[in-house]
């Protein structure tokens, strides 16, 4: 979800563009990854997934871990549960924030990712929880409801 939302942010920056460049993840330079544009897109994704509280939750995790990176693996799940957010989303955001500080927490974050859920169902349920079906016209509402049905 974070990657999808990140790319949606980029697409939303230039909605009239008919094509976008595809860059292989391995080929992205450090300067590009640390650019304002990339950081904005990643923070956008984090805020969407974490109900606009990405930075607040990151600070809570650091406080819960008493500032010790090695304690984050137990602090992040506690904060996620207490605050009612997805553990995998919070872990991913924490890894991103730590990477900005030169710390590699991606391995720990990967271990906290949900692996037993269908990516389709995660994305679908996320959308259903947030979309206002009442704001859609009858045809659009019907088409979207059909597209989101479980098979």
C-alpha atoms as a PDB file:
ATOM      1  CA  UNK A   1       0.000   0.000   0.000  1.00  0.00           C
ATOM      2  CA  UNK A   2       2.784   2.427   0.839  1.00  0.00           C
ATOM      3  CA  UNK A   3       4.346   2.020  -2.602  1.00  0.00           C
ATOM      4  CA  UNK A   4       0.978   2.455  -4.329  1.00  0.00           C
ATOM      5  CA  UNK A   5       0.146   5.606  -2.366  1.00  0.00           C
ATOM      6  CA  UNK A   6       3.667   6.942  -2.926  1.00  0.00           C
ATOM      7  CA  UNK A   7       3.275   6.573  -6.692  1.00  0.00           C
ATOM      8  CA  UNK A   8      -0.252   8.003  -6.600  1.00  0.00           C
ATOM      9  CA  UNK A   9       1.204  11.126  -5.002  1.00  0.00           C
ATOM     10  CA  UNK A  10       3.662  11.451  -7.879  1.00  0.00           C
ATOM     11  CA  UNK A  11       0.870  10.937 -10.434  1.00  0.00           C
ATOM     12  CA  UNK A  12      -1.254  13.540  -8.666  1.00  0.00           C
ATOM     13  CA  UNK A  13       1.505  16.128  -9.006  1.00  0.00           C
ATOM     14  CA  UNK A  14       0.986  16.180 -12.783  1.00  0.00           C
ATOM     15  CA  UNK A  15      -2.464  14.754 -13.546  1.00  0.00           C
ATOM     16  CA  UNK A  16      -2.331  15.899 -17.177  1.00  0.00           C
ATOM     17  CA  UNK A  17       0.781  13.845 -17.984  1.00  0.00           C
ATOM     18  CA  UNK A  18       0.112  10.975 -20.359  1.00  0.00           C
ATOM     19  CA  UNK A  19       3.290   9.072 -19.440  1.00  0.00           C
ATOM     20  CA  UNK A  20       5.528   8.722 -16.416  1.00  0.00           C
ATOM     21  CA  UNK A  21       9.093   7.494 -16.236  1.00  0.00           C
ATOM     22  CA  UNK A  22       9.607   4.064 -14.729  1.00  0.00           C
ATOM     23  CA  UNK A  23      12.814   3.793 -12.738  1.00  0.00           C
ATOM     24  CA  UNK A  24      14.100   0.443 -11.521  1.00  0.00           C
ATOM     25  CA  UNK A  25      14.349   0.469  -7.716  1.00  0.00           C
ATOM     26  CA  UNK A  26      18.007  -0.532  -7.823  1.00  0.00           C
ATOM     27  CA  UNK A  27      18.809   2.256 -10.270  1.00  0.00           C
ATOM     28  CA  UNK A  28      17.459   5.069  -8.098  1.00  0.00           C
ATOM     29  CA  UNK A  29      20.312   7.222  -6.864  1.00  0.00           C
ATOM     30  CA  UNK A  30      20.671   8.269  -3.249  1.00  0.00           C
ATOM     31  CA  UNK A  31      20.146  11.909  -4.272  1.00  0.00           C
ATOM     32  CA  UNK A  32      16.871  10.961  -5.951  1.00  0.00           C
ATOM     33  CA  UNK A  33      15.674   8.923  -2.940  1.00  0.00           C
ATOM     34  CA  UNK A  34      16.471  11.832  -0.627  1.00  0.00           C
ATOM     35  CA  UNK A  35      14.932  14.511  -2.865  1.00  0.00           C
ATOM     36  CA  UNK A  36      12.113  16.694  -1.545  1.00  0.00           C
ATOM     37  CA  UNK A  37       9.769  15.153  -4.115  1.00  0.00           C
ATOM     38  CA  UNK A  38      10.476  11.591  -2.937  1.00  0.00           C
ATOM     39  CA  UNK A  39      10.291  12.509   0.736  1.00  0.00           C
ATOM     40  CA  UNK A  40       6.983  14.302   0.185  1.00  0.00           C
ATOM     41  CA  UNK A  41       5.533  11.265  -1.616  1.00  0.00           C
ATOM     42  CA  UNK A  42       6.700   8.882   1.116  1.00  0.00           C
ATOM     43  CA  UNK A  43       5.401  11.109   3.906  1.00  0.00           C
ATOM     44  CA  UNK A  44       2.088  11.397   2.049  1.00  0.00           C
ATOM     45  CA  UNK A  45       1.813   7.602   1.901  1.00  0.00           C
ATOM     46  CA  UNK A  46       2.683   7.314   5.586  1.00  0.00           C
ATOM     47  CA  UNK A  47       0.102   9.901   6.570  1.00  0.00           C
ATOM     48  CA  UNK A  48      -2.630   8.234   4.506  1.00  0.00           C
ATOM     49  CA  UNK A  49      -1.869   4.804   5.965  1.00  0.00           C
ATOM     50  CA  UNK A  50      -1.502   6.127   9.507  1.00  0.00           C
ATOM     51  CA  UNK A  51      -4.525   8.439   9.524  1.00  0.00           C
ATOM     52  CA  UNK A  52      -2.520  11.661   9.282  1.00  0.00           C
ATOM     53  CA  UNK A  53      -0.449  10.792  12.343  1.00  0.00           C
ATOM     54  CA  UNK A  54       2.738   9.345  10.835  1.00  0.00           C
ATOM     55  CA  UNK A  55       5.159  11.731  12.542  1.00  0.00           C
ATOM     56  CA  UNK A  56       3.261  11.670  15.831  1.00  0.00           C
ATOM     57  CA  UNK A  57       3.290   7.859  15.854  1.00  0.00           C
ATOM     58  CA  UNK A  58       6.978   7.746  14.925  1.00  0.00           C
ATOM     59  CA  UNK A  59       7.747   9.958  17.919  1.00  0.00           C
ATOM     60  CA  UNK A  60       5.605   7.725  20.135  1.00  0.00           C
ATOM     61  CA  UNK A  61       7.607   4.697  18.983  1.00  0.00           C
ATOM     62  CA  UNK A  62      10.907   6.395  19.784  1.00  0.00           C
ATOM     63  CA  UNK A  63       9.585   7.412  23.199  1.00  0.00           C
ATOM     64  CA  UNK A  64       8.249   3.884  23.849  1.00  0.00           C
ATOM     65  CA  UNK A  65      11.690   2.497  22.927  1.00  0.00           C
ATOM     66  CA  UNK A  66      13.426   5.045  25.178  1.00  0.00           C
ATOM     67  CA  UNK A  67      15.324   6.254  22.114  1.00  0.00           C
ATOM     68  CA  UNK A  68      16.993   2.867  21.587  1.00  0.00           C
ATOM     69  CA  UNK A  69      16.791   1.534  18.036  1.00  0.00           C
ATOM     70  CA  UNK A  70      17.188  -2.046  19.255  1.00  0.00           C
ATOM     71  CA  UNK A  71      13.994  -1.719  21.341  1.00  0.00           C
ATOM     72  CA  UNK A  72      11.866  -0.522  18.428  1.00  0.00           C
ATOM     73  CA  UNK A  73      11.023  -4.072  17.355  1.00  0.00           C
ATOM     74  CA  UNK A  74       8.894  -4.433  20.490  1.00  0.00           C
ATOM     75  CA  UNK A  75       7.869  -0.771  20.790  1.00  0.00           C
ATOM     76  CA  UNK A  76       6.403  -0.443  17.282  1.00  0.00           C
ATOM     77  CA  UNK A  77       3.893  -3.322  17.703  1.00  0.00           C
ATOM     78  CA  UNK A  78       2.780  -1.933  21.079  1.00  0.00           C
ATOM     79  CA  UNK A  79       2.211   1.546  19.657  1.00  0.00           C
ATOM     80  CA  UNK A  80       0.426   0.168  16.574  1.00  0.00           C
ATOM     81  CA  UNK A  81      -1.948  -1.887  18.706  1.00  0.00           C
ATOM     82  CA  UNK A  82      -2.587   0.874  21.230  1.00  0.00           C
ATOM     83  CA  UNK A  83      -3.203   3.488  18.529  1.00  0.00           C
ATOM     84  CA  UNK A  84      -5.264   1.246  16.236  1.00  0.00           C
ATOM     85  CA  UNK A  85      -3.061   1.397  13.132  1.00  0.00           C
ATOM     86  CA  UNK A  86      -1.649  -1.351  10.945  1.00  0.00           C
ATOM     87  CA  UNK A  87       1.610  -2.697  12.322  1.00  0.00           C
ATOM     88  CA  UNK A  88       3.133  -3.172   8.872  1.00  0.00           C
ATOM     89  CA  UNK A  89       2.382   0.433   7.884  1.00  0.00           C
ATOM     90  CA  UNK A  90       3.923   1.834  11.066  1.00  0.00           C
ATOM     91  CA  UNK A  91       6.979  -0.429  10.794  1.00  0.00           C
ATOM     92  CA  UNK A  92       7.517   0.642   7.177  1.00  0.00           C
ATOM     93  CA  UNK A  93       7.236   4.317   8.098  1.00  0.00           C
ATOM     94  CA  UNK A  94       9.671   3.878  10.991  1.00  0.00           C
ATOM     95  CA  UNK A  95      12.191   2.236   8.647  1.00  0.00           C
ATOM     96  CA  UNK A  96      11.842   5.171   6.254  1.00  0.00           C
ATOM     97  CA  UNK A  97      12.323   7.739   9.045  1.00  0.00           C
ATOM     98  CA  UNK A  98      15.340   5.900  10.427  1.00  0.00           C
ATOM     99  CA  UNK A  99      16.843   5.662   6.926  1.00  0.00           C
ATOM    100  CA  UNK A 100      16.713   9.466   6.731  1.00  0.00           C
ATOM    101  CA  UNK A 101      18.953   9.449   9.810  1.00  0.00           C
ATOM    102  CA  UNK A 102      21.362   6.954   8.286  1.00  0.00           C
ATOM    103  CA  UNK A 103      20.048   3.943  10.217  1.00  0.00           C
ATOM    104  CA  UNK A 104      19.009   0.759   8.441  1.00  0.00           C
ATOM    105  CA  UNK A 105      15.900  -0.689  10.073  1.00  0.00           C
ATOM    106  CA  UNK A 106      14.451  -2.212   6.894  1.00  0.00           C
ATOM    107  CA  UNK A 107      15.201  -5.794   7.978  1.00  0.00           C
ATOM    108  CA  UNK A 108      13.289  -5.407  11.231  1.00  0.00           C
ATOM    109  CA  UNK A 109      10.483  -3.658   9.364  1.00  0.00           C
ATOM    110  CA  UNK A 110      10.272  -6.508   6.863  1.00  0.00           C
ATOM    111  CA  UNK A 111       9.890  -8.991   9.724  1.00  0.00           C
ATOM    112  CA  UNK A 112       6.889  -6.996  10.987  1.00  0.00           C
ATOM    113  CA  UNK A 113       5.056  -7.023   7.631  1.00  0.00           C
ATOM    114  CA  UNK A 114       1.799  -8.949   7.272  1.00  0.00           C
ATOM    115  CA  UNK A 115       2.466 -11.985   5.084  1.00  0.00           C
ATOM    116  CA  UNK A 116      -0.729 -13.954   5.566  1.00  0.00           C
ATOM    117  CA  UNK A 117      -3.095 -11.416   4.016  1.00  0.00           C
ATOM    118  CA  UNK A 118      -4.070 -10.917   0.408  1.00  0.00           C
ATOM    119  CA  UNK A 119      -2.680  -7.630  -0.959  1.00  0.00           C
ATOM    120  CA  UNK A 120      -5.924  -7.233  -2.936  1.00  0.00           C
ATOM    121  CA  UNK A 121      -8.040  -7.516   0.225  1.00  0.00           C
ATOM    122  CA  UNK A 122      -5.793  -5.129   2.138  1.00  0.00           C
ATOM    123  CA  UNK A 123      -6.114  -2.488  -0.596  1.00  0.00           C
ATOM    124  CA  UNK A 124      -9.845  -3.105  -1.065  1.00  0.00           C
ATOM    125  CA  UNK A 125     -10.651  -2.908   2.647  1.00  0.00           C
ATOM    126  CA  UNK A 126      -8.519   0.221   3.002  1.00  0.00           C
ATOM    127  CA  UNK A 127     -10.499   1.886   0.204  1.00  0.00           C
ATOM    128  CA  UNK A 128     -13.899   0.743   1.497  1.00  0.00           C
ATOM    129  CA  UNK A 129     -13.157   2.171   4.955  1.00  0.00           C
ATOM    130  CA  UNK A 130     -12.336   5.583   3.512  1.00  0.00           C
ATOM    131  CA  UNK A 131     -14.481   6.152   0.434  1.00  0.00           C
ATOM    132  CA  UNK A 132     -17.765   8.037   0.549  1.00  0.00           C
ATOM    133  CA  UNK A 133     -20.061   5.963  -1.622  1.00  0.00           C
ATOM    134  CA  UNK A 134     -22.817   8.544  -1.048  1.00  0.00           C
ATOM    135  CA  UNK A 135     -20.789  11.150  -2.932  1.00  0.00           C
ATOM    136  CA  UNK A 136     -20.764   9.003  -6.084  1.00  0.00           C
ATOM    137  CA  UNK A 137     -23.413   8.920  -8.771  1.00  0.00           C
ATOM    138  CA  UNK A 138     -25.534   5.775  -9.083  1.00  0.00           C
ATOM    139  CA  UNK A 139     -23.613   4.375 -12.058  1.00  0.00           C
ATOM    140  CA  UNK A 140     -20.198   5.075 -10.511  1.00  0.00           C
ATOM    141  CA  UNK A 141     -21.294   3.674  -7.152  1.00  0.00           C
ATOM    142  CA  UNK A 142     -22.589   0.482  -8.799  1.00  0.00           C
ATOM    143  CA  UNK A 143     -19.433   0.018 -10.908  1.00  0.00           C
ATOM    144  CA  UNK A 144     -17.142   0.560  -7.939  1.00  0.00           C
ATOM    145  CA  UNK A 145     -19.153  -1.793  -5.732  1.00  0.00           C
ATOM    146  CA  UNK A 146     -18.969  -4.507  -8.404  1.00  0.00           C
ATOM    147  CA  UNK A 147     -15.224  -3.973  -8.854  1.00  0.00           C
ATOM    148  CA  UNK A 148     -14.668  -4.325  -5.112  1.00  0.00           C
ATOM    149  CA  UNK A 149     -16.674  -7.536  -4.679  1.00  0.00           C
ATOM    150  CA  UNK A 150     -14.847 -10.581  -3.375  1.00  0.00           C
ATOM    151  CA  UNK A 151     -14.714 -13.392  -5.863  1.00  0.00           C
END
